[in-house]
Amino acid sequence: MRLDSFLSEVRLIKRRTQAKKACQAGMVLLDGKPSKPGKEVNTGQTITINFANRVLEVEVLDIPLRNLRKEEATNFYRVVREERKKEDLF
């Protein structure tokens, strides 16, 4: 499954177009490397998303084969790290 599709399907990013833009802007890392939206995602890989105010790192547990209900989405990844970015005081 494409990286941008995975991110939107499991609801890590709201829309696929937003996921695509985030990948193109270098905000999404796949196994520590900036990745294009069409990069293939496999189980066991790590996805890091650098949001404006936080960093989220997840491990891919499974690839969805169909559209998911909201309750099912979290079954496909495990949060490895989540931290808030510190605001600059100056």
PDB file of N, CA and C in Angstrom:
ATOM      1  N   MET A   1       0.842  -1.173   0.000  1.00  0.00           N
ATOM      2  CA  MET A   1       0.000   0.000   0.000  1.00  0.00           C
ATOM      3  C   MET A   1       0.890   1.240   0.000  1.00  0.00           C
ATOM      4  N   ARG A   2       0.455   2.263  -0.717  1.00  0.00           N
ATOM      5  CA  ARG A   2       1.183   3.527  -0.777  1.00  0.00           C
ATOM      6  C   ARG A   2       1.240   4.178   0.602  1.00  0.00           C
ATOM      7  N   LEU A   3       2.328   4.898   0.861  1.00  0.00           N
ATOM      8  CA  LEU A   3       2.517   5.576   2.140  1.00  0.00           C
ATOM      9  C   LEU A   3       1.394   6.573   2.418  1.00  0.00           C
ATOM     10  N   ASP A   4       1.059   7.416   1.442  1.00  0.00           N
ATOM     11  CA  ASP A   4       0.006   8.409   1.669  1.00  0.00           C
ATOM     12  C   ASP A   4      -1.359   7.748   1.912  1.00  0.00           C
ATOM     13  N   SER A   5      -1.620   6.648   1.246  1.00  0.00           N
ATOM     14  CA  SER A   5      -2.875   5.912   1.454  1.00  0.00           C
ATOM     15  C   SER A   5      -2.922   5.297   2.845  1.00  0.00           C
ATOM     16  N   PHE A   6      -1.803   4.724   3.268  1.00  0.00           N
ATOM     17  CA  PHE A   6      -1.747   4.115   4.602  1.00  0.00           C
ATOM     18  C   PHE A   6      -2.012   5.157   5.678  1.00  0.00           C
ATOM     19  N   LEU A   7      -1.344   6.304   5.572  1.00  0.00           N
ATOM     20  CA  LEU A   7      -1.491   7.356   6.578  1.00  0.00           C
ATOM     21  C   LEU A   7      -2.935   7.824   6.699  1.00  0.00           C
ATOM     22  N   SER A   8      -3.614   7.964   5.584  1.00  0.00           N
ATOM     23  CA  SER A   8      -5.002   8.410   5.638  1.00  0.00           C
ATOM     24  C   SER A   8      -5.946   7.275   6.040  1.00  0.00           C
ATOM     25  N   GLU A   9      -5.672   6.072   5.587  1.00  0.00           N
ATOM     26  CA  GLU A   9      -6.551   4.930   5.878  1.00  0.00           C
ATOM     27  C   GLU A   9      -6.590   4.612   7.374  1.00  0.00           C
ATOM     28  N   VAL A  10      -5.437   4.683   8.045  1.00  0.00           N
ATOM     29  CA  VAL A  10      -5.398   4.379   9.481  1.00  0.00           C
ATOM     30  C   VAL A  10      -5.579   5.642  10.323  1.00  0.00           C
ATOM     31  N   ARG A  11      -5.899   6.745   9.658  1.00  0.00           N
ATOM     32  CA  ARG A  11      -6.264   8.010  10.299  1.00  0.00           C
ATOM     33  C   ARG A  11      -5.138   8.672  11.081  1.00  0.00           C
ATOM     34  N   LEU A  12      -3.903   8.501  10.621  1.00  0.00           N
ATOM     35  CA  LEU A  12      -2.794   9.247  11.211  1.00  0.00           C
ATOM     36  C   LEU A  12      -2.775  10.665  10.653  1.00  0.00           C
ATOM     37  N   ILE A  13      -3.190  10.805   9.394  1.00  0.00           N
ATOM     38  CA  ILE A  13      -3.390  12.106   8.757  1.00  0.00           C
ATOM     39  C   ILE A  13      -4.790  12.062   8.143  1.00  0.00           C
ATOM     40  N   LYS A  14      -5.513  13.149   8.280  1.00  0.00           N
ATOM     41  CA  LYS A  14      -6.942  13.163   7.962  1.00  0.00           C
ATOM     42  C   LYS A  14      -7.279  12.802   6.515  1.00  0.00           C
ATOM     43  N   ARG A  15      -6.588  13.406   5.560  1.00  0.00           N
ATOM     44  CA  ARG A  15      -6.902  13.174   4.149  1.00  0.00           C
ATOM     45  C   ARG A  15      -5.662  12.722   3.389  1.00  0.00           C
ATOM     46  N   ARG A  16      -5.897  11.983   2.316  1.00  0.00           N
ATOM     47  CA  ARG A  16      -4.781  11.492   1.508  1.00  0.00           C
ATOM     48  C   ARG A  16      -4.021  12.650   0.867  1.00  0.00           C
ATOM     49  N   THR A  17      -4.721  13.684   0.450  1.00  0.00           N
ATOM     50  CA  THR A  17      -4.028  14.829  -0.163  1.00  0.00           C
ATOM     51  C   THR A  17      -3.122  15.519   0.856  1.00  0.00           C
ATOM     52  N   GLN A  18      -3.557  15.583   2.122  1.00  0.00           N
ATOM     53  CA  GLN A  18      -2.712  16.158   3.161  1.00  0.00           C
ATOM     54  C   GLN A  18      -1.509  15.258   3.425  1.00  0.00           C
ATOM     55  N   ALA A  19      -1.719  13.952   3.406  1.00  0.00           N
ATOM     56  CA  ALA A  19      -0.627  13.004   3.604  1.00  0.00           C
ATOM     57  C   ALA A  19       0.384  13.121   2.472  1.00  0.00           C
ATOM     58  N   LYS A  20      -0.119  13.285   1.257  1.00  0.00           N
ATOM     59  CA  LYS A  20       0.763  13.440   0.097  1.00  0.00           C
ATOM     60  C   LYS A  20       1.616  14.698   0.231  1.00  0.00           C
ATOM     61  N   LYS A  21       0.992  15.809   0.623  1.00  0.00           N
ATOM     62  CA  LYS A  21       1.728  17.062   0.800  1.00  0.00           C
ATOM     63  C   LYS A  21       2.757  16.952   1.919  1.00  0.00           C
ATOM     64  N   ALA A  22       2.401  16.272   3.015  1.00  0.00           N
ATOM     65  CA  ALA A  22       3.329  16.088   4.127  1.00  0.00           C
ATOM     66  C   ALA A  22       4.552  15.273   3.684  1.00  0.00           C
ATOM     67  N   CYS A  23       4.336  14.247   2.877  1.00  0.00           N
ATOM     68  CA  CYS A  23       5.440  13.434   2.362  1.00  0.00           C
ATOM     69  C   CYS A  23       6.334  14.274   1.449  1.00  0.00           C
ATOM     70  N   GLN A  24       5.723  15.041   0.570  1.00  0.00           N
ATOM     71  CA  GLN A  24       6.485  15.862  -0.366  1.00  0.00           C
ATOM     72  C   GLN A  24       7.277  16.951   0.349  1.00  0.00           C
ATOM     73  N   ALA A  25       6.790  17.400   1.495  1.00  0.00           N
ATOM     74  CA  ALA A  25       7.467  18.442   2.267  1.00  0.00           C
ATOM     75  C   ALA A  25       8.551  17.879   3.172  1.00  0.00           C
ATOM     76  N   GLY A  26       8.725  16.550   3.190  1.00  0.00           N
ATOM     77  CA  GLY A  26       9.761  15.925   4.006  1.00  0.00           C
ATOM     78  C   GLY A  26       9.374  15.756   5.464  1.00  0.00           C
ATOM     79  N   MET A  27       8.088  15.882   5.762  1.00  0.00           N
ATOM     80  CA  MET A  27       7.614  15.749   7.143  1.00  0.00           C
ATOM     81  C   MET A  27       7.405  14.294   7.559  1.00  0.00           C
ATOM     82  N   VAL A  28       7.400  13.383   6.600  1.00  0.00           N
ATOM     83  CA  VAL A  28       7.149  11.967   6.871  1.00  0.00           C
ATOM     84  C   VAL A  28       8.398  11.163   6.535  1.00  0.00           C
ATOM     85  N   LEU A  29       8.850  10.378   7.516  1.00  0.00           N
ATOM     86  CA  LEU A  29      10.021   9.523   7.327  1.00  0.00           C
ATOM     87  C   LEU A  29       9.579   8.069   7.397  1.00  0.00           C
ATOM     88  N   LEU A  30      10.100   7.261   6.502  1.00  0.00           N
ATOM     89  CA  LEU A  30       9.841   5.824   6.513  1.00  0.00           C
ATOM     90  C   LEU A  30      11.169   5.153   6.826  1.00  0.00           C
ATOM     91  N   ASP A  31      11.239   4.495   7.961  1.00  0.00           N
ATOM     92  CA  ASP A  31      12.486   3.897   8.454  1.00  0.00           C
ATOM     93  C   ASP A  31      13.618   4.930   8.521  1.00  0.00           C
ATOM     94  N   GLY A  32      13.275   6.142   8.949  1.00  0.00           N
ATOM     95  CA  GLY A  32      14.264   7.186   9.160  1.00  0.00           C
ATOM     96  C   GLY A  32      14.672   7.973   7.933  1.00  0.00           C
ATOM     97  N   LYS A  33      14.075   7.678   6.782  1.00  0.00           N
ATOM     98  CA  LYS A  33      14.435   8.365   5.544  1.00  0.00           C
ATOM     99  C   LYS A  33      13.216   9.080   4.970  1.00  0.00           C
ATOM    100  N   PRO A  34      13.397  10.320   4.474  1.00  0.00           N
ATOM    101  CA  PRO A  34      12.273  11.006   3.830  1.00  0.00           C
ATOM    102  C   PRO A  34      11.754  10.154   2.672  1.00  0.00           C
ATOM    103  N   SER A  35      10.439  10.052   2.576  1.00  0.00           N
ATOM    104  CA  SER A  35       9.854   9.164   1.575  1.00  0.00           C
ATOM    105  C   SER A  35       8.785   9.853   0.747  1.00  0.00           C
ATOM    106  N   LYS A  36       8.709   9.448  -0.489  1.00  0.00           N
ATOM    107  CA  LYS A  36       7.701   9.970  -1.407  1.00  0.00           C
ATOM    108  C   LYS A  36       6.347   9.343  -1.082  1.00  0.00           C
ATOM    109  N   PRO A  37       5.258  10.010  -1.467  1.00  0.00           N
ATOM    110  CA  PRO A  37       3.912   9.503  -1.154  1.00  0.00           C
ATOM    111  C   PRO A  37       3.625   8.117  -1.726  1.00  0.00           C
ATOM    112  N   GLY A  38       4.233   7.773  -2.842  1.00  0.00           N
ATOM    113  CA  GLY A  38       3.970   6.491  -3.489  1.00  0.00           C
ATOM    114  C   GLY A  38       4.834   5.344  -2.993  1.00  0.00           C
ATOM    115  N   LYS A  39       5.696   5.596  -2.021  1.00  0.00           N
ATOM    116  CA  LYS A  39       6.572   4.548  -1.480  1.00  0.00           C
ATOM    117  C   LYS A  39       5.727   3.440  -0.855  1.00  0.00           C
ATOM    118  N   GLU A  40       6.087   2.213  -1.106  1.00  0.00           N
ATOM    119  CA  GLU A  40       5.351   1.056  -0.595  1.00  0.00           C
ATOM    120  C   GLU A  40       5.626   0.865   0.898  1.00  0.00           C
ATOM    121  N   VAL A  41       4.556   0.672   1.680  1.00  0.00           N
ATOM    122  CA  VAL A  41       4.664   0.448   3.123  1.00  0.00           C
ATOM    123  C   VAL A  41       4.459  -1.032   3.403  1.00  0.00           C
ATOM    124  N   ASN A  42       5.316  -1.593   4.271  1.00  0.00           N
ATOM    125  CA  ASN A  42       5.223  -3.001   4.643  1.00  0.00           C
ATOM    126  C   ASN A  42       5.174  -3.132   6.160  1.00  0.00           C
ATOM    127  N   THR A  43       4.696  -4.275   6.634  1.00  0.00           N
ATOM    128  CA  THR A  43       4.654  -4.503   8.076  1.00  0.00           C
ATOM    129  C   THR A  43       6.060  -4.483   8.634  1.00  0.00           C
ATOM    130  N   GLY A  44       6.175  -3.986   9.873  1.00  0.00           N
ATOM    131  CA  GLY A  44       7.465  -3.914  10.544  1.00  0.00           C
ATOM    132  C   GLY A  44       8.213  -2.615  10.320  1.00  0.00           C
ATOM    133  N   GLN A  45       7.785  -1.818   9.361  1.00  0.00           N
ATOM    134  CA  GLN A  45       8.459  -0.553   9.097  1.00  0.00           C
ATOM    135  C   GLN A  45       8.029   0.498  10.117  1.00  0.00           C
ATOM    136  N   THR A  46       8.864   1.527  10.268  1.00  0.00           N
ATOM    137  CA  THR A  46       8.594   2.624  11.186  1.00  0.00           C
ATOM    138  C   THR A  46       8.292   3.886  10.395  1.00  0.00           C
ATOM    139  N   ILE A  47       7.223   4.560  10.770  1.00  0.00           N
ATOM    140  CA  ILE A  47       6.841   5.821  10.137  1.00  0.00           C
ATOM    141  C   ILE A  47       6.950   6.918  11.192  1.00  0.00           C
ATOM    142  N   THR A  48       7.662   7.988  10.865  1.00  0.00           N
ATOM    143  CA  THR A  48       7.790   9.144  11.749  1.00  0.00           C
ATOM    144  C   THR A  48       7.148  10.333  11.059  1.00  0.00           C
ATOM    145  N   ILE A  49       6.246  11.004  11.771  1.00  0.00           N
ATOM    146  CA  ILE A  49       5.560  12.174  11.223  1.00  0.00           C
ATOM    147  C   ILE A  49       5.925  13.375  12.085  1.00  0.00           C
ATOM    148  N   ASN A  50       6.485  14.398  11.458  1.00  0.00           N
ATOM    149  CA  ASN A  50       6.849  15.630  12.147  1.00  0.00           C
ATOM    150  C   ASN A  50       5.749  16.656  11.946  1.00  0.00           C
ATOM    151  N   PHE A  51       4.790  16.668  12.873  1.00  0.00           N
ATOM    152  CA  PHE A  51       3.727  17.661  12.838  1.00  0.00           C
ATOM    153  C   PHE A  51       4.300  18.987  13.326  1.00  0.00           C
ATOM    154  N   ALA A  52       3.525  20.062  13.219  1.00  0.00           N
ATOM    155  CA  ALA A  52       3.990  21.384  13.636  1.00  0.00           C
ATOM    156  C   ALA A  52       4.342  21.429  15.124  1.00  0.00           C
ATOM    157  N   ASN A  53       3.563  20.751  15.962  1.00  0.00           N
ATOM    158  CA  ASN A  53       3.786  20.841  17.401  1.00  0.00           C
ATOM    159  C   ASN A  53       4.136  19.524  18.084  1.00  0.00           C
ATOM    160  N   ARG A  54       4.273  18.448  17.315  1.00  0.00           N
ATOM    161  CA  ARG A  54       4.628  17.156  17.922  1.00  0.00           C
ATOM    162  C   ARG A  54       5.260  16.221  16.896  1.00  0.00           C
ATOM    163  N   VAL A  55       5.908  15.207  17.426  1.00  0.00           N
ATOM    164  CA  VAL A  55       6.509  14.165  16.592  1.00  0.00           C
ATOM    165  C   VAL A  55       5.844  12.849  16.977  1.00  0.00           C
ATOM    166  N   LEU A  56       5.402  12.107  15.977  1.00  0.00           N
ATOM    167  CA  LEU A  56       4.746  10.825  16.199  1.00  0.00           C
ATOM    168  C   LEU A  56       5.492   9.752  15.423  1.00  0.00           C
ATOM    169  N   GLU A  57       5.886   8.704  16.127  1.00  0.00           N
ATOM    170  CA  GLU A  57       6.577   7.577  15.493  1.00  0.00           C
ATOM    171  C   GLU A  57       5.757   6.324  15.743  1.00  0.00           C
ATOM    172  N   VAL A  58       5.418   5.605  14.664  1.00  0.00           N
ATOM    173  CA  VAL A  58       4.604   4.400  14.782  1.00  0.00           C
ATOM    174  C   VAL A  58       5.260   3.245  14.038  1.00  0.00           C
ATOM    175  N   GLU A  59       4.961   2.038  14.496  1.00  0.00           N
ATOM    176  CA  GLU A  59       5.397   0.820  13.810  1.00  0.00           C
ATOM    177  C   GLU A  59       4.190   0.247  13.084  1.00  0.00           C
ATOM    178  N   VAL A  60       4.371  -0.120  11.835  1.00  0.00           N
ATOM    179  CA  VAL A  60       3.292  -0.702  11.026  1.00  0.00           C
ATOM    180  C   VAL A  60       3.115  -2.162  11.436  1.00  0.00           C
ATOM    181  N   LEU A  61       1.929  -2.505  11.935  1.00  0.00           N
ATOM    182  CA  LEU A  61       1.647  -3.874  12.359  1.00  0.00           C
ATOM    183  C   LEU A  61       0.991  -4.697  11.266  1.00  0.00           C
ATOM    184  N   ASP A  62       0.197  -4.052  10.435  1.00  0.00           N
ATOM    185  CA  ASP A  62      -0.512  -4.750   9.368  1.00  0.00           C
ATOM    186  C   ASP A  62      -0.942  -3.733   8.324  1.00  0.00           C
ATOM    187  N   ILE A  63      -1.258  -4.212   7.139  1.00  0.00           N
ATOM    188  CA  ILE A  63      -1.707  -3.349   6.044  1.00  0.00           C
ATOM    189  C   ILE A  63      -3.203  -3.598   5.831  1.00  0.00           C
ATOM    190  N   PRO A  64      -4.019  -2.544   5.890  1.00  0.00           N
ATOM    191  CA  PRO A  64      -5.464  -2.743   5.682  1.00  0.00           C
ATOM    192  C   PRO A  64      -5.767  -3.144   4.238  1.00  0.00           C
ATOM    193  N   LEU A  65      -6.697  -4.075   4.083  1.00  0.00           N
ATOM    194  CA  LEU A  65      -7.071  -4.561   2.759  1.00  0.00           C
ATOM    195  C   LEU A  65      -8.372  -3.941   2.267  1.00  0.00           C
ATOM    196  N   ARG A  66      -9.034  -3.189   3.124  1.00  0.00           N
ATOM    197  CA  ARG A  66     -10.311  -2.575   2.773  1.00  0.00           C
ATOM    198  C   ARG A  66     -10.450  -1.288   3.574  1.00  0.00           C
ATOM    199  N   ASN A  67     -11.523  -0.550   3.325  1.00  0.00           N
ATOM    200  CA  ASN A  67     -11.792   0.645   4.115  1.00  0.00           C
ATOM    201  C   ASN A  67     -12.058   0.261   5.563  1.00  0.00           C
ATOM    202  N   LEU A  68     -11.542   1.058   6.483  1.00  0.00           N
ATOM    203  CA  LEU A  68     -11.643   0.740   7.900  1.00  0.00           C
ATOM    204  C   LEU A  68     -12.667   1.613   8.604  1.00  0.00           C
ATOM    205  N   ARG A  69     -13.261   1.041   9.625  1.00  0.00           N
ATOM    206  CA  ARG A  69     -14.060   1.848  10.535  1.00  0.00           C
ATOM    207  C   ARG A  69     -13.096   2.524  11.500  1.00  0.00           C
ATOM    208  N   LYS A  70     -13.531   3.610  12.085  1.00  0.00           N
ATOM    209  CA  LYS A  70     -12.693   4.397  12.978  1.00  0.00           C
ATOM    210  C   LYS A  70     -12.105   3.535  14.113  1.00  0.00           C
ATOM    211  N   GLU A  71     -12.917   2.648  14.657  1.00  0.00           N
ATOM    212  CA  GLU A  71     -12.490   1.803  15.775  1.00  0.00           C
ATOM    213  C   GLU A  71     -11.403   0.802  15.376  1.00  0.00           C
ATOM    214  N   GLU A  72     -11.351   0.427  14.109  1.00  0.00           N
ATOM    215  CA  GLU A  72     -10.387  -0.569  13.636  1.00  0.00           C
ATOM    216  C   GLU A  72      -9.020   0.023  13.305  1.00  0.00           C
ATOM    217  N   ALA A  73      -8.961   1.323  13.068  1.00  0.00           N
ATOM    218  CA  ALA A  73      -7.754   1.959  12.537  1.00  0.00           C
ATOM    219  C   ALA A  73      -6.521   1.739  13.411  1.00  0.00           C
ATOM    220  N   THR A  74      -6.676   1.804  14.713  1.00  0.00           N
ATOM    221  CA  THR A  74      -5.511   1.690  15.604  1.00  0.00           C
ATOM    222  C   THR A  74      -4.954   0.263  15.689  1.00  0.00           C
ATOM    223  N   ASN A  75      -5.633  -0.709  15.115  1.00  0.00           N
ATOM    224  CA  ASN A  75      -5.133  -2.088  15.111  1.00  0.00           C
ATOM    225  C   ASN A  75      -3.993  -2.287  14.107  1.00  0.00           C
ATOM    226  N   PHE A  76      -3.756  -1.312  13.257  1.00  0.00           N
ATOM    227  CA  PHE A  76      -2.787  -1.478  12.187  1.00  0.00           C
ATOM    228  C   PHE A  76      -1.444  -0.803  12.460  1.00  0.00           C
ATOM    229  N   TYR A  77      -1.329  -0.137  13.601  1.00  0.00           N
ATOM    230  CA  TYR A  77      -0.055   0.469  13.981  1.00  0.00           C
ATOM    231  C   TYR A  77       0.081   0.501  15.503  1.00  0.00           C
ATOM    232  N   ARG A  78       1.339   0.648  15.949  1.00  0.00           N
ATOM    233  CA  ARG A  78       1.637   0.762  17.376  1.00  0.00           C
ATOM    234  C   ARG A  78       2.461   2.024  17.559  1.00  0.00           C
ATOM    235  N   VAL A  79       2.065   2.872  18.488  1.00  0.00           N
ATOM    236  CA  VAL A  79       2.808   4.099  18.753  1.00  0.00           C
ATOM    237  C   VAL A  79       4.100   3.737  19.477  1.00  0.00           C
ATOM    238  N   VAL A  80       5.221   4.114  18.872  1.00  0.00           N
ATOM    239  CA  VAL A  80       6.537   3.857  19.450  1.00  0.00           C
ATOM    240  C   VAL A  80       6.963   5.054  20.294  1.00  0.00           C
ATOM    241  N   ARG A  81       6.704   6.260  19.753  1.00  0.00           N
ATOM    242  CA  ARG A  81       7.127   7.487  20.436  1.00  0.00           C
ATOM    243  C   ARG A  81       6.190   8.617  20.031  1.00  0.00           C
ATOM    244  N   GLU A  82       5.836   9.409  21.030  1.00  0.00           N
ATOM    245  CA  GLU A  82       5.048  10.604  20.763  1.00  0.00           C
ATOM    246  C   GLU A  82       5.533  11.678  21.720  1.00  0.00           C
ATOM    247  N   GLU A  83       5.975  12.787  21.156  1.00  0.00           N
ATOM    248  CA  GLU A  83       6.466  13.862  22.018  1.00  0.00           C
ATOM    249  C   GLU A  83       6.066  15.220  21.456  1.00  0.00           C
ATOM    250  N   ARG A  84       5.817  16.119  22.348  1.00  0.00           N
ATOM    251  CA  ARG A  84       5.492  17.500  21.989  1.00  0.00           C
ATOM    252  C   ARG A  84       6.776  18.251  21.712  1.00  0.00           C
ATOM    253  N   LYS A  85       6.735  19.113  20.706  1.00  0.00           N
ATOM    254  CA  LYS A  85       7.890  19.954  20.430  1.00  0.00           C
ATOM    255  C   LYS A  85       7.876  21.131  21.377  1.00  0.00           C
ATOM    256  N   LYS A  86       9.049  21.510  21.850  1.00  0.00           N
ATOM    257  CA  LYS A  86       9.166  22.651  22.737  1.00  0.00           C
ATOM    258  C   LYS A  86       9.059  23.935  21.929  1.00  0.00           C
ATOM    259  N   GLU A  87       8.349  24.886  22.492  1.00  0.00           N
ATOM    260  CA  GLU A  87       8.209  26.181  21.833  1.00  0.00           C
ATOM    261  C   GLU A  87       9.418  27.047  22.122  1.00  0.00           C
ATOM    262  N   ASP A  88       9.839  27.788  21.116  1.00  0.00           N
ATOM    263  CA  ASP A  88      10.934  28.737  21.311  1.00  0.00           C
ATOM    264  C   ASP A  88      10.433  29.925  22.110  1.00  0.00           C
ATOM    265  N   LEU A  89      11.214  30.355  23.082  1.00  0.00           N
ATOM    266  CA  LEU A  89      10.825  31.479  23.907  1.00  0.00           C
ATOM    267  C   LEU A  89      11.208  32.812  23.270  1.00  0.00           C
ATOM    268  N   PHE A  90      12.078  32.780  22.291  1.00  0.00           N
ATOM    269  CA  PHE A  90      12.556  34.025  21.671  1.00  0.00           C
ATOM    270  C   PHE A  90      12.085  34.133  20.255  1.00  0.00           C
TER     271      PHE A  90
END
